Amino acid sequence: MTIAVTGSTGALGTLVVDALAEHVSLDQVVALARDPQRAAHLGERGAQVRTFDYDRPEDLAAALHDVTDLLLISSNAVGQRVEQHRAVIEAARATGVGRIVYTSALGASDTSLNPVAPDHVETERLLADSGLDHVILRNGWYSENYLSELENARQYGAVVTSAGDGTVASADRADYAAAAAAVLTTPHAKPVYELSGDTAWTFEELAKTLSAVTGADAEVRHVSPDEHREALRQAGLPEAAIEFVVGIDAAIARGELGATTGELSALIGRPTTPLHDTLAAAEQG
């Protein structure tokens, strides 16, 4: 078995390599990175480091030589990632990669309000059409997505949301990394996993957690989507970022990120990390 990880120097990829080290020798792991110098520390630990630039599709197949299992961590290049994913899938097929494990989004579907869903749905279609054995990890929301609220709680004492009474079943990024490592080292995984935290929290509960962690007196300010947009404009966010944030809250309001499936904790063999623990760890530095 030779396991390759795309984005191995990114926030999730680095944690996946760490988690894989608990299952296999790192000489069985290929750290794929746009800049191999940034992955040098992984090479020092025993992993193979290979250059892997999504924007150089002609070079991708060579980097996948002898790879049996490939973790395709979704690109963060909005507007380009479907074509980037297509190039990786085609290279994997040309090179004879045995299986692709792909990080998608919880509940990804054509009817989702989540702004990240369309690219994931299209990539899932590409995988289905490729003929390659593949596993879909539909990751829920990362608790780390709310680290910016720590500063908001300290400065403004408020969490502004247009998600209403929607809930978020978030988990720590390391939880999702551990799940990916478990699947990559399991020969007979399920075709699709819907992964989420064990507990779905409300924004009132987020505010209470922020207050406990920071010592600030944080409260929730519920606004309409249009009021939310205006508040974000006043904060200086660009329009694309504004629509993304409001779109996420719309998906939360509809219940798309609140499902507690139990599949994540089952894969990693322990409860998922509570929101409080993730925020507290960040606050303590």
Foldseek 3Di string as FASTA:
>chain_A
DAEEEEPCLDPLNVLLLVLLVVPDQQLSYEYEYCDQVSVVVSVVSNHHYDYDDLVCLVPQLVSCAPAQEYEDEFDPPPPCRLSSLLSNLVSCLVRVHQEYEYEAAAPQDPPFLQPRRVSRVSSVVSVVVSPHHYAYEHAFAALVVCLVVLVVCVPPQEDEAQLPFFWAQHFHSSLVSNLVSLVRPDPDDDRYDRDGAQAIDGVQVVSVLSCVQNVGNHGYDHDHLVVQLVVVVVVPDDPVVSSNRSSVSPSRSVHRRRDRPVRSCVSNVHHGDDSSVVNNVVSVD
